Amino acid sequence: MGRYAEDAKQLLHLVGGRENIAAVSHCMTRMRFALVDPEKADVKAIEGMKAVKGSFTQSGQFQVIIGNTVADFYNDFVKTAGIEGVS
């Protein structure tokens, strides 16, 4: 596992688990989630994570700001979650 394995595990739990993720992808600085039930995401706890710089919802996507290392974080996240995302 990579350097973000523990953070990825924590984020997976805080977004409501694997079963709450319909899709996940990333852009230059953010993880983008399509959540089955957005209410299950613990936004306050997510924003309290050291690796997270903020979050917001736009156009039905829950976006978590990671920064320039988002590609590495994303790779660890999909390995931890056991899902395939779209980047």
N, C-alpha and C. Protein backbone atom coordinates (compact mmCIF):
# COMPACT_ATOMS: atom_id res chain seq x y z
N MET A 1 0.83 -1.19 0.00
CA MET A 1 0.00 0.00 0.00
C MET A 1 0.87 1.25 0.00
N GLY A 2 0.29 2.34 -0.45
CA GLY A 2 1.01 3.59 -0.56
C GLY A 2 0.97 4.42 0.71
N ARG A 3 1.46 5.62 0.59
CA ARG A 3 1.58 6.47 1.77
C ARG A 3 0.24 6.98 2.31
N TYR A 4 -0.80 6.87 1.50
CA TYR A 4 -2.13 7.35 1.94
C TYR A 4 -3.08 6.22 2.33
N ALA A 5 -2.54 5.03 2.54
CA ALA A 5 -3.39 3.88 2.82
C ALA A 5 -4.29 4.09 4.04
N GLU A 6 -3.73 4.61 5.12
CA GLU A 6 -4.54 4.81 6.34
C GLU A 6 -5.57 5.92 6.14
N ASP A 7 -5.17 7.01 5.48
CA ASP A 7 -6.12 8.10 5.20
C ASP A 7 -7.22 7.60 4.27
N ALA A 8 -6.87 6.79 3.29
CA ALA A 8 -7.85 6.24 2.36
C ALA A 8 -8.86 5.37 3.09
N LYS A 9 -8.37 4.55 4.02
CA LYS A 9 -9.25 3.69 4.82
C LYS A 9 -10.21 4.54 5.65
N GLN A 10 -9.69 5.60 6.25
CA GLN A 10 -10.53 6.49 7.05
C GLN A 10 -11.57 7.19 6.19
N LEU A 11 -11.16 7.71 5.02
CA LEU A 11 -12.11 8.39 4.14
C LEU A 11 -13.19 7.43 3.66
N LEU A 12 -12.81 6.21 3.34
CA LEU A 12 -13.79 5.21 2.91
C LEU A 12 -14.87 5.04 3.98
N HIS A 13 -14.45 4.91 5.22
CA HIS A 13 -15.40 4.77 6.34
C HIS A 13 -16.29 6.01 6.45
N LEU A 14 -15.68 7.20 6.33
CA LEU A 14 -16.42 8.45 6.56
C LEU A 14 -17.39 8.80 5.43
N VAL A 15 -17.18 8.28 4.23
CA VAL A 15 -18.15 8.54 3.16
C VAL A 15 -19.31 7.55 3.21
N GLY A 16 -19.25 6.62 4.15
CA GLY A 16 -20.36 5.67 4.30
C GLY A 16 -20.04 4.28 3.82
N GLY A 17 -18.77 4.02 3.55
CA GLY A 17 -18.36 2.68 3.14
C GLY A 17 -18.49 2.44 1.64
N ARG A 18 -17.95 1.33 1.23
CA ARG A 18 -17.93 0.96 -0.19
C ARG A 18 -19.33 0.93 -0.80
N GLU A 19 -20.28 0.42 -0.03
CA GLU A 19 -21.65 0.29 -0.53
C GLU A 19 -22.33 1.64 -0.77
N ASN A 20 -21.77 2.72 -0.24
CA ASN A 20 -22.36 4.05 -0.43
C ASN A 20 -21.73 4.79 -1.62
N ILE A 21 -20.77 4.17 -2.28
CA ILE A 21 -20.09 4.82 -3.41
C ILE A 21 -20.62 4.25 -4.72
N ALA A 22 -21.32 5.10 -5.49
CA ALA A 22 -21.81 4.68 -6.80
C ALA A 22 -20.68 4.82 -7.82
N ALA A 23 -19.84 5.85 -7.66
CA ALA A 23 -18.70 6.08 -8.55
C ALA A 23 -17.72 7.01 -7.86
N VAL A 24 -16.44 6.88 -8.23
CA VAL A 24 -15.41 7.78 -7.70
C VAL A 24 -14.41 8.05 -8.80
N SER A 25 -13.97 9.30 -8.85
CA SER A 25 -12.96 9.70 -9.83
C SER A 25 -12.15 10.83 -9.20
N HIS A 26 -11.21 11.37 -9.96
CA HIS A 26 -10.46 12.51 -9.44
C HIS A 26 -10.13 13.47 -10.56
N CYS A 27 -9.86 14.70 -10.19
CA CYS A 27 -9.39 15.70 -11.14
C CYS A 27 -8.02 16.14 -10.64
N MET A 28 -7.62 17.35 -10.92
CA MET A 28 -6.28 17.82 -10.55
C MET A 28 -6.03 17.90 -9.04
N THR A 29 -7.07 18.24 -8.28
CA THR A 29 -6.86 18.41 -6.83
C THR A 29 -7.93 17.75 -5.97
N ARG A 30 -8.96 17.18 -6.58
CA ARG A 30 -10.10 16.70 -5.79
C ARG A 30 -10.49 15.26 -6.12
N MET A 31 -10.99 14.58 -5.11
CA MET A 31 -11.67 13.29 -5.29
C MET A 31 -13.13 13.65 -5.52
N ARG A 32 -13.74 13.00 -6.50
CA ARG A 32 -15.14 13.26 -6.82
C ARG A 32 -15.95 12.00 -6.61
N PHE A 33 -16.95 12.10 -5.76
CA PHE A 33 -17.78 10.95 -5.42
C PHE A 33 -19.21 11.15 -5.88
N ALA A 34 -19.80 10.09 -6.43
CA ALA A 34 -21.24 10.01 -6.61
C ALA A 34 -21.67 9.04 -5.51
N LEU A 35 -22.35 9.57 -4.50
CA LEU A 35 -22.73 8.76 -3.35
C LEU A 35 -24.17 8.28 -3.48
N VAL A 36 -24.41 7.06 -3.06
CA VAL A 36 -25.76 6.50 -3.07
C VAL A 36 -26.65 7.31 -2.14
N ASP A 37 -26.16 7.56 -0.92
CA ASP A 37 -26.88 8.36 0.07
C ASP A 37 -25.92 9.41 0.64
N PRO A 38 -25.95 10.63 0.11
CA PRO A 38 -25.03 11.68 0.56
C PRO A 38 -25.12 11.97 2.06
N GLU A 39 -26.27 11.68 2.68
CA GLU A 39 -26.44 11.93 4.11
C GLU A 39 -25.56 11.04 4.98
N LYS A 40 -25.08 9.93 4.43
CA LYS A 40 -24.22 9.02 5.20
C LYS A 40 -22.80 9.54 5.34
N ALA A 41 -22.41 10.50 4.52
CA ALA A 41 -21.05 11.06 4.60
C ALA A 41 -20.94 11.97 5.82
N ASP A 42 -19.91 11.76 6.61
CA ASP A 42 -19.66 12.58 7.80
C ASP A 42 -18.74 13.73 7.38
N VAL A 43 -19.34 14.79 6.84
CA VAL A 43 -18.59 15.91 6.26
C VAL A 43 -17.67 16.56 7.28
N LYS A 44 -18.13 16.76 8.49
CA LYS A 44 -17.31 17.41 9.51
C LYS A 44 -16.05 16.59 9.81
N ALA A 45 -16.20 15.28 9.94
CA ALA A 45 -15.06 14.41 10.21
C ALA A 45 -14.12 14.35 9.00
N ILE A 46 -14.70 14.33 7.79
CA ILE A 46 -13.88 14.31 6.58
C ILE A 46 -13.02 15.57 6.52
N GLU A 47 -13.62 16.71 6.79
CA GLU A 47 -12.88 17.97 6.75
C GLU A 47 -11.85 18.07 7.87
N GLY A 48 -11.99 17.25 8.90
CA GLY A 48 -11.04 17.23 9.99
C GLY A 48 -9.82 16.35 9.72
N MET A 49 -9.86 15.60 8.63
CA MET A 49 -8.72 14.74 8.30
C MET A 49 -7.51 15.58 7.88
N LYS A 50 -6.34 15.14 8.28
CA LYS A 50 -5.11 15.86 7.97
C LYS A 50 -4.87 15.98 6.46
N ALA A 51 -5.19 14.94 5.70
CA ALA A 51 -4.95 14.92 4.26
C ALA A 51 -5.97 15.73 3.46
N VAL A 52 -7.05 16.14 4.12
CA VAL A 52 -8.15 16.83 3.43
C VAL A 52 -8.08 18.33 3.66
N LYS A 53 -8.21 19.08 2.57
CA LYS A 53 -8.15 20.54 2.65
C LYS A 53 -9.53 21.20 2.61
N GLY A 54 -10.57 20.39 2.42
CA GLY A 54 -11.93 20.90 2.38
C GLY A 54 -12.82 19.98 1.58
N SER A 55 -14.11 20.31 1.53
CA SER A 55 -15.05 19.52 0.74
C SER A 55 -16.24 20.40 0.37
N PHE A 56 -16.95 19.98 -0.66
CA PHE A 56 -18.18 20.66 -1.06
C PHE A 56 -18.97 19.74 -1.98
N THR A 57 -20.22 20.08 -2.20
CA THR A 57 -21.06 19.33 -3.13
C THR A 57 -21.42 20.24 -4.28
N GLN A 58 -21.25 19.72 -5.50
CA GLN A 58 -21.57 20.49 -6.69
C GLN A 58 -22.12 19.55 -7.76
N SER A 59 -23.23 19.91 -8.34
CA SER A 59 -23.86 19.12 -9.40
C SER A 59 -24.05 17.65 -8.99
N GLY A 60 -24.43 17.44 -7.75
CA GLY A 60 -24.67 16.08 -7.27
C GLY A 60 -23.42 15.29 -6.92
N GLN A 61 -22.25 15.90 -7.07
CA GLN A 61 -21.01 15.23 -6.71
C GLN A 61 -20.51 15.74 -5.38
N PHE A 62 -20.08 14.81 -4.53
CA PHE A 62 -19.42 15.18 -3.29
C PHE A 62 -17.93 15.22 -3.58
N GLN A 63 -17.33 16.39 -3.43
CA GLN A 63 -15.93 16.57 -3.79
C GLN A 63 -15.08 16.83 -2.55
N VAL A 64 -13.98 16.08 -2.46
CA VAL A 64 -13.06 16.20 -1.33
C VAL A 64 -11.75 16.74 -1.87
N ILE A 65 -11.34 17.89 -1.36
CA ILE A 65 -10.11 18.54 -1.82
C ILE A 65 -8.91 17.90 -1.12
N ILE A 66 -8.02 17.32 -1.92
CA ILE A 66 -6.82 16.69 -1.40
C ILE A 66 -5.59 17.54 -1.73
N GLY A 67 -5.55 18.10 -2.91
CA GLY A 67 -4.39 18.88 -3.34
C GLY A 67 -3.64 18.19 -4.47
N ASN A 68 -2.40 18.60 -4.68
CA ASN A 68 -1.62 18.12 -5.81
C ASN A 68 -1.28 16.64 -5.77
N THR A 69 -1.40 16.00 -4.62
CA THR A 69 -1.09 14.57 -4.51
C THR A 69 -2.34 13.70 -4.65
N VAL A 70 -3.39 14.26 -5.21
CA VAL A 70 -4.66 13.54 -5.29
C VAL A 70 -4.55 12.23 -6.09
N ALA A 71 -3.71 12.18 -7.10
CA ALA A 71 -3.58 10.95 -7.90
C ALA A 71 -3.06 9.80 -7.03
N ASP A 72 -2.08 10.08 -6.19
CA ASP A 72 -1.56 9.05 -5.27
C ASP A 72 -2.61 8.65 -4.25
N PHE A 73 -3.32 9.63 -3.71
CA PHE A 73 -4.38 9.36 -2.74
C PHE A 73 -5.46 8.51 -3.40
N TYR A 74 -5.86 8.87 -4.60
CA TYR A 74 -6.90 8.15 -5.34
C TYR A 74 -6.49 6.69 -5.55
N ASN A 75 -5.25 6.46 -5.96
CA ASN A 75 -4.78 5.09 -6.19
C ASN A 75 -4.86 4.26 -4.92
N ASP A 76 -4.45 4.82 -3.80
CA ASP A 76 -4.56 4.12 -2.53
C ASP A 76 -6.02 3.91 -2.14
N PHE A 77 -6.86 4.90 -2.43
CA PHE A 77 -8.28 4.80 -2.08
C PHE A 77 -8.96 3.66 -2.81
N VAL A 78 -8.78 3.57 -4.13
CA VAL A 78 -9.47 2.51 -4.88
C VAL A 78 -8.93 1.12 -4.52
N LYS A 79 -7.65 1.03 -4.18
CA LYS A 79 -7.09 -0.25 -3.71
C LYS A 79 -7.71 -0.63 -2.37
N THR A 80 -7.79 0.33 -1.47
CA THR A 80 -8.36 0.10 -0.14
C THR A 80 -9.84 -0.28 -0.24
N ALA A 81 -10.57 0.44 -1.09
CA ALA A 81 -12.01 0.21 -1.23
C ALA A 81 -12.32 -1.04 -2.03
N GLY A 82 -11.37 -1.48 -2.84
CA GLY A 82 -11.63 -2.65 -3.69
C GLY A 82 -12.61 -2.34 -4.79
N ILE A 83 -12.59 -1.10 -5.27
CA ILE A 83 -13.49 -0.70 -6.35
C ILE A 83 -12.67 -0.12 -7.49
N GLU A 84 -13.29 -0.07 -8.64
CA GLU A 84 -12.65 0.58 -9.77
C GLU A 84 -13.31 1.92 -9.96
N GLY A 85 -12.51 2.95 -10.04
CA GLY A 85 -13.04 4.28 -10.26
C GLY A 85 -12.84 4.67 -11.72
N VAL A 86 -13.14 5.90 -11.99
CA VAL A 86 -12.94 6.45 -13.31
C VAL A 86 -12.15 7.72 -13.13
N SER A 87 -11.03 7.86 -13.83
CA SER A 87 -10.25 9.09 -13.66
C SER A 87 -10.19 9.85 -14.97
